[in-house]
Protein backbone atom coordinates (compact mmCIF):
# COMPACT_ATOMS: atom_id res chain seq x y z
CA MET A 1 0.00 0.00 0.00
CA LYS A 2 1.43 3.39 -1.20
CA ARG A 3 1.96 6.18 1.20
CA PRO A 4 0.10 9.46 0.41
CA ILE A 5 2.22 12.45 -0.91
CA PRO A 6 2.58 15.08 1.73
CA ALA A 7 0.66 18.28 1.11
CA ASN A 8 3.74 20.45 1.32
CA GLN A 9 5.40 18.53 -1.54
CA ILE A 10 2.29 18.95 -3.70
CA ILE A 11 2.50 22.72 -3.17
CA ILE A 12 6.20 22.83 -4.11
CA VAL A 13 5.54 20.80 -7.28
CA GLY A 14 2.75 23.18 -8.22
CA ILE A 15 4.98 26.18 -7.81
CA VAL A 16 7.68 24.61 -9.94
CA CYS A 17 5.21 23.74 -12.68
CA GLY A 18 3.89 27.25 -12.62
CA LEU A 19 7.37 28.69 -13.01
CA LEU A 20 8.04 26.37 -15.92
CA LEU A 21 4.85 27.50 -17.65
CA LEU A 22 5.76 31.18 -17.16
CA THR A 23 9.24 30.58 -18.57
CA ALA A 24 7.77 28.93 -21.65
CA PHE A 25 5.36 31.82 -22.13
CA PHE A 26 8.10 34.51 -22.03
CA ALA A 27 10.31 32.45 -24.30
CA GLY A 28 7.52 32.48 -26.87
CA CYS A 29 7.24 36.27 -26.61
CA THR A 30 10.94 36.71 -27.41
CA SER A 31 11.04 34.17 -30.25
CA SER A 32 12.25 34.99 -33.82
CA ALA A 33 8.80 35.97 -35.06
CA PRO A 34 8.81 39.52 -36.59
CA ALA A 35 7.98 42.22 -34.07
CA GLN A 36 6.44 45.65 -34.67
CA PRO A 37 8.18 48.15 -32.38
CA VAL A 38 6.22 51.21 -31.49
CA THR A 39 9.04 53.36 -32.74
CA HIS A 40 8.44 52.09 -36.29
CA ALA A 41 4.88 53.25 -36.20
CA ALA A 42 6.01 56.66 -35.04
CA SER A 43 8.58 56.94 -37.82
CA THR A 44 5.95 56.41 -40.53
CA THR A 45 4.24 59.64 -39.56
CA ALA A 46 7.34 61.88 -39.29
CA VAL A 47 7.79 64.57 -42.00
CA PRO A 48 10.98 63.89 -44.02
CA VAL A 49 13.60 66.64 -43.59
CA THR A 50 13.73 67.26 -47.34
CA THR A 51 10.10 68.30 -47.45
CA LEU A 52 10.31 70.91 -44.71
CA PRO A 53 9.80 74.48 -45.99
CA ALA A 54 12.93 76.63 -46.21
CA PRO A 55 13.47 78.86 -43.16
CA GLN A 56 12.04 82.33 -43.66
CA PRO A 57 14.58 85.15 -43.05
CA THR A 58 13.71 87.80 -40.54
CA PRO A 59 12.96 91.34 -41.79
CA GLN A 60 16.29 92.48 -40.34
CA ALA A 61 18.18 89.93 -42.42
CA VAL A 62 16.39 91.01 -45.58
CA SER A 63 17.16 94.69 -45.04
CA THR A 64 20.88 94.07 -44.85
CA THR A 65 21.06 92.20 -48.15
CA VAL A 66 18.64 94.03 -50.44
CA VAL A 67 20.36 96.13 -53.13
CA PRO A 68 19.21 99.79 -53.03
CA VAL A 69 16.75 100.63 -55.81
CA ALA A 70 18.81 103.63 -56.87
CA ALA A 71 21.80 101.41 -57.54
CA ILE A 72 19.65 99.33 -59.93
CA THR A 73 17.94 102.10 -61.83
CA THR A 74 20.87 104.41 -62.48
CA SER A 75 24.62 104.62 -62.04
CA THR A 76 24.19 108.09 -60.61
CA PRO A 77 22.06 107.63 -57.50
CA ALA A 78 19.55 110.41 -56.98
CA PRO A 79 20.48 112.62 -54.01
CA VAL A 80 17.84 113.26 -51.36
CA TYR A 81 17.21 116.77 -50.08
CA THR A 82 14.94 117.93 -47.28
CA TYR A 83 12.44 120.50 -48.46
CA SER A 84 12.51 123.86 -46.70
CA GLU A 85 10.65 127.00 -47.71
CA GLY A 86 13.07 129.51 -49.23
CA ASN A 87 15.68 126.88 -50.06
CA VAL A 88 16.47 126.05 -53.67
CA VAL A 89 17.86 122.73 -54.90
CA ALA A 90 19.67 123.44 -58.18
CA PHE A 91 20.70 120.50 -60.36
CA THR A 92 23.71 122.09 -62.04
CA ALA A 93 26.14 121.08 -64.80
CA ALA A 94 29.45 120.10 -63.18
CA SER A 95 31.42 122.64 -65.23
CA LEU A 96 29.94 125.40 -63.03
CA LYS A 97 31.59 123.94 -59.93
CA GLY A 98 34.18 126.70 -59.58
CA VAL A 99 31.68 129.55 -59.60
CA THR A 100 28.96 127.99 -57.42
CA PRO A 101 30.26 129.29 -54.04
CA LYS A 102 30.22 132.85 -55.39
CA LEU A 103 26.76 132.38 -56.90
CA ALA A 104 25.40 131.01 -53.62
CA SER A 105 26.81 133.92 -51.62
CA ASP A 106 25.50 136.62 -53.96
CA PHE A 107 22.09 134.97 -54.29
CA GLU A 108 21.66 134.94 -50.52
CA LYS A 109 22.66 138.60 -50.37
CA MET A 110 20.14 139.55 -53.03
CA TYR A 111 17.38 137.45 -51.44
CA PRO A 112 17.89 137.35 -47.64
CA GLY A 113 16.39 134.22 -46.13
CA HIS A 114 16.94 132.21 -49.32
CA LYS A 115 19.60 129.55 -49.73
CA VAL A 116 20.69 127.40 -52.66
CA VAL A 117 22.11 123.86 -52.66
CA PHE A 118 23.91 122.74 -55.83
CA ASN A 119 23.85 119.14 -57.01
CA LEU A 120 26.79 119.11 -59.44
CA ASP A 121 27.16 116.35 -62.01
CA GLY A 122 27.35 115.75 -65.73
CA THR A 123 24.18 117.03 -67.40
CA GLN A 124 23.39 113.54 -68.69
CA ALA A 125 23.54 112.22 -65.11
CA LEU A 126 21.34 115.04 -63.80
CA ARG A 127 18.81 114.30 -66.52
CA THR A 128 18.74 110.63 -65.48
CA GLN A 129 18.31 111.52 -61.81
CA VAL A 130 15.36 113.80 -62.54
CA MET A 131 13.70 111.23 -64.78
CA ASN A 132 14.06 108.66 -62.00
CA GLY A 133 12.24 110.89 -59.51
CA ALA A 134 14.97 112.96 -57.85
CA TYR A 135 13.73 116.25 -56.39
CA ALA A 136 14.98 119.50 -57.90
CA ASP A 137 13.71 123.09 -57.98
CA VAL A 138 15.94 124.32 -60.79
CA PHE A 139 17.82 122.60 -63.61
CA ILE A 140 20.94 124.13 -65.21
CA SER A 141 22.08 122.27 -68.30
CA ALA A 142 25.27 122.50 -70.36
CA SER A 143 23.46 121.04 -73.35
CA ASN A 144 20.37 122.15 -75.23
CA ALA A 145 19.77 118.53 -76.19
CA TYR A 146 19.01 117.49 -72.60
CA THR A 147 16.98 120.65 -71.94
CA THR A 148 14.88 119.90 -75.01
CA GLU A 149 14.37 116.31 -73.88
CA LEU A 150 13.15 117.35 -70.44
CA THR A 151 10.97 120.08 -71.93
CA LYS A 152 9.23 117.55 -74.18
CA GLY A 153 8.74 115.33 -71.14
CA GLY A 154 6.91 118.13 -69.31
CA TYR A 155 9.45 118.54 -66.52
CA PHE A 156 9.70 122.35 -66.62
CA VAL A 157 7.22 125.05 -65.65
CA ASP A 158 6.03 126.49 -68.95
CA GLY A 159 7.93 129.56 -70.08
CA THR A 160 10.73 129.28 -67.50
CA VAL A 161 13.48 127.74 -69.67
CA LYS A 162 15.97 130.50 -70.56
CA PRO A 163 19.47 130.76 -72.06
CA LEU A 164 21.98 131.37 -69.27
CA THR A 165 25.59 131.56 -70.46
CA SER A 166 28.07 130.01 -72.90
CA ASN A 167 31.49 128.37 -72.92
CA TYR A 168 34.25 127.48 -75.36
CA VAL A 169 36.52 124.43 -75.25
CA ILE A 170 40.22 124.82 -74.41
CA VAL A 171 43.19 122.43 -74.06
CA ILE A 172 44.92 122.34 -70.68
CA LEU A 173 48.30 120.79 -69.78
CA PRO A 174 49.93 120.04 -66.40
CA ALA A 175 51.92 123.02 -65.12
CA ASN A 176 55.24 121.23 -65.71
CA ASN A 177 54.14 120.08 -69.20
CA PRO A 178 56.06 116.77 -69.17
CA ALA A 179 55.12 115.94 -72.78
CA LYS A 180 56.58 119.28 -74.00
CA ILE A 181 53.39 120.14 -75.90
CA GLN A 182 53.74 123.54 -77.59
CA SER A 183 50.79 123.58 -79.99
CA LEU A 184 47.67 121.72 -81.00
CA ALA A 185 49.77 119.90 -83.61
CA ASP A 186 51.72 118.20 -80.79
CA LEU A 187 48.58 116.44 -79.56
CA ALA A 188 49.13 113.96 -82.40
CA LYS A 189 52.65 112.96 -81.29
CA PRO A 190 53.06 109.26 -80.43
CA GLY A 191 52.82 108.55 -76.71
CA VAL A 192 50.89 111.69 -75.76
CA LYS A 193 48.10 110.85 -73.30
CA ILE A 194 44.86 112.82 -73.67
CA ALA A 195 41.67 112.99 -71.57
CA ILE A 196 38.31 114.14 -72.93
CA GLY A 197 34.68 113.97 -71.89
CA ASP A 198 32.58 111.00 -72.90
CA LYS A 199 30.36 111.55 -75.94
CA SER A 200 27.30 111.52 -73.66
CA VAL A 201 28.65 114.55 -71.76
CA PRO A 202 28.20 118.04 -73.26
CA VAL A 203 31.94 118.78 -73.09
CA GLY A 204 32.56 115.52 -74.96
CA THR A 205 30.26 116.66 -77.75
CA ALA A 206 32.04 120.02 -77.90
CA THR A 207 35.49 118.38 -77.89
CA ASN A 208 34.73 115.99 -80.73
CA ALA A 209 33.32 118.84 -82.80
CA ALA A 210 36.41 121.00 -82.20
CA ILE A 211 38.82 118.18 -83.10
CA GLY A 212 36.88 117.51 -86.28
CA ASN A 213 36.85 121.19 -87.21
CA LEU A 214 40.61 121.52 -86.61
CA ALA A 215 41.31 118.52 -88.79
CA LYS A 216 39.34 120.01 -91.67
CA SER A 217 40.55 123.60 -91.49
CA THR A 218 44.15 123.43 -90.25
CA TYR A 219 45.44 119.87 -89.95
CA ASN A 220 44.32 116.70 -91.72
CA GLN A 221 42.69 113.33 -91.21
CA GLU A 222 45.99 111.75 -90.17
CA TRP A 223 46.27 114.30 -87.35
CA ASN A 224 42.66 113.58 -86.37
CA THR A 225 43.29 109.81 -86.28
CA SER A 226 46.46 110.23 -84.21
CA VAL A 227 44.76 112.50 -81.67
CA ILE A 228 41.89 110.05 -81.23
CA LYS A 229 44.40 107.22 -80.79
CA ASN A 230 46.11 109.20 -78.00
CA ILE A 231 42.91 109.52 -75.95
CA VAL A 232 43.36 107.28 -72.90
CA THR A 233 40.27 108.19 -70.85
CA TYR A 234 36.71 109.40 -71.46
CA GLU A 235 35.33 111.10 -68.34
CA THR A 236 31.63 111.26 -67.42
CA ALA A 237 31.88 114.81 -66.03
CA GLU A 238 34.00 117.74 -67.19
CA PRO A 239 35.83 118.26 -63.85
CA GLY A 240 37.06 114.68 -64.16
CA VAL A 241 39.15 115.68 -67.18
CA ALA A 242 40.70 118.60 -65.29
CA THR A 243 41.53 116.34 -62.34
CA LYS A 244 43.36 113.86 -64.58
CA VAL A 245 45.48 116.71 -65.95
CA ALA A 246 46.17 118.30 -62.55
CA LEU A 247 47.35 114.95 -61.16
CA GLY A 248 49.64 114.40 -64.13
CA GLU A 249 47.83 111.21 -65.15
CA VAL A 250 47.50 112.59 -68.69
CA ASP A 251 49.49 115.08 -70.76
CA ALA A 252 46.53 117.11 -72.02
CA GLY A 253 42.80 117.47 -71.58
CA PHE A 254 39.91 119.22 -73.32
CA VAL A 255 37.84 121.27 -70.86
CA TYR A 256 35.83 124.50 -70.85
CA GLU A 257 37.53 127.88 -70.62
CA SER A 258 35.76 128.47 -67.32
CA THR A 259 37.51 125.51 -65.69
CA TYR A 260 40.92 126.92 -66.61
CA THR A 261 39.95 130.41 -65.39
CA ALA A 262 38.59 129.13 -62.06
CA ALA A 263 41.67 127.01 -61.27
CA PRO A 264 44.36 128.30 -58.88
CA LYS A 265 47.24 130.08 -60.57
CA ASP A 266 49.93 127.85 -62.08
CA THR A 267 47.73 124.74 -61.99
CA TYR A 268 47.59 124.42 -65.78
CA VAL A 269 49.13 125.63 -69.01
CA ALA A 270 46.49 126.43 -71.64
CA ILE A 271 46.36 126.22 -75.42
CA THR A 272 43.40 128.00 -76.98
CA ILE A 273 41.39 126.75 -79.93
CA PRO A 274 40.51 129.35 -82.58
CA LYS A 275 36.87 130.44 -82.48
CA LYS A 276 36.37 129.44 -86.11
CA ASP A 277 37.13 125.82 -85.16
CA ASN A 278 35.73 125.88 -81.65
CA TYR A 279 32.32 124.79 -80.37
CA LEU A 280 30.30 127.29 -78.35
CA GLN A 281 28.36 125.43 -75.68
CA THR A 282 25.12 127.12 -74.61
CA TYR A 283 23.81 126.66 -71.05
CA THR A 284 20.14 126.94 -70.09
CA ILE A 285 18.19 127.25 -66.84
CA GLY A 286 14.61 126.33 -65.99
CA VAL A 287 12.26 125.90 -63.01
CA MET A 288 11.11 122.33 -62.41
CA LYS A 289 7.38 121.62 -62.45
CA GLN A 290 7.77 119.33 -59.41
CA SER A 291 9.22 122.15 -57.28
CA THR A 292 7.35 122.79 -54.05
CA SER A 293 9.17 126.11 -53.65
CA LYS A 294 8.50 127.69 -57.03
CA GLY A 295 8.69 131.24 -55.68
CA ALA A 296 12.24 130.77 -54.38
CA ALA A 297 13.14 128.85 -57.54
CA ALA A 298 11.95 131.74 -59.70
CA ASP A 299 13.95 134.15 -57.55
CA PHE A 300 17.09 132.08 -58.11
CA GLU A 301 16.53 131.99 -61.86
CA ASN A 302 16.04 135.76 -61.87
CA PHE A 303 19.29 136.15 -59.94
CA MET A 304 21.20 133.95 -62.40
CA VAL A 305 20.16 136.06 -65.40
CA SER A 306 20.58 139.34 -63.50
CA ALA A 307 23.60 141.65 -63.89
CA ILE A 308 25.15 140.28 -60.69
CA GLY A 309 24.71 136.62 -61.64
CA GLN A 310 26.02 137.21 -65.14
CA GLN A 311 29.06 139.09 -63.82
CA ASP A 312 29.85 136.19 -61.49
CA LEU A 313 29.79 133.85 -64.48
CA ARG A 314 32.04 136.12 -66.55
CA ASP A 315 34.51 136.40 -63.68
CA TYR A 316 34.93 132.64 -63.80
CA GLY A 317 35.49 132.37 -67.53
CA PHE A 318 31.95 131.96 -68.85
CA ARG A 319 30.86 134.05 -71.79
CA PRO A 320 27.66 136.09 -72.33
CA ILE A 321 24.93 134.26 -74.12
CA SER A 322 25.27 136.65 -77.08
CA THR A 323 28.89 135.60 -77.76
CA SER A 324 29.40 134.43 -81.35
């Protein structure tokens, strides 16, 4: 007869069996069957980096990289002036640079409380500035061509455009005259360096006309060709030619008589061009239709054509408008 199994042994066996069953269960959970980690599910909903929109720059970043509009529209950025009653902004041909301090002083004496600010540049540049919206009360041109263009465009107050003064072309040399130029004929010598105004600048037009006239009346086509070959720079404003000569960067330059007259003594040596071959440049003045100070602008124009204004111009080498 078998002896009964003690109760405590039955309990121990049960516990062991239970542990074995739990071990088998966990082993099945970690078997080689494919698993689906939660992280995979999350990755299927993430936005790929390549599809993210490009970062948007802040307004500050944009402002430091945008090219100014003026630099795009014209190579001669339009200056900005603050309007003030009694003040006149005069866009003025650069060849009047020497006389402008005297004109400003005498204008203010004639019209107390008035002041004038000169924006000096080549007339072609001034024209471009005005056509691109630059503010001006008065326009002084060294070329009738640009005055006519602006008149047709309706930029002037009707009836205000008037002849102002005139100017002849002259040849200037550095004071020490390193090229030993003694006459206009020497401008054709090999190696001579000449500066003139660009053809778009009024003084450039006058220079080309004078050279052509000299070739026909006194010299010849060979002289003309040699002179043109010796031109090493075409300046966009008349004072630029004078500066090249004063610095000794060229041996000769074609400028207006007024530039030579206004220069300090012993700055240049001059060679005149006969009137019969020269080109008389006529300057004009007009009040701009956009002016918000037309009264002061008209006063300035009246001063410029007055006896005092005309004397100032003559003192600095300009000629009366009636010169022939």
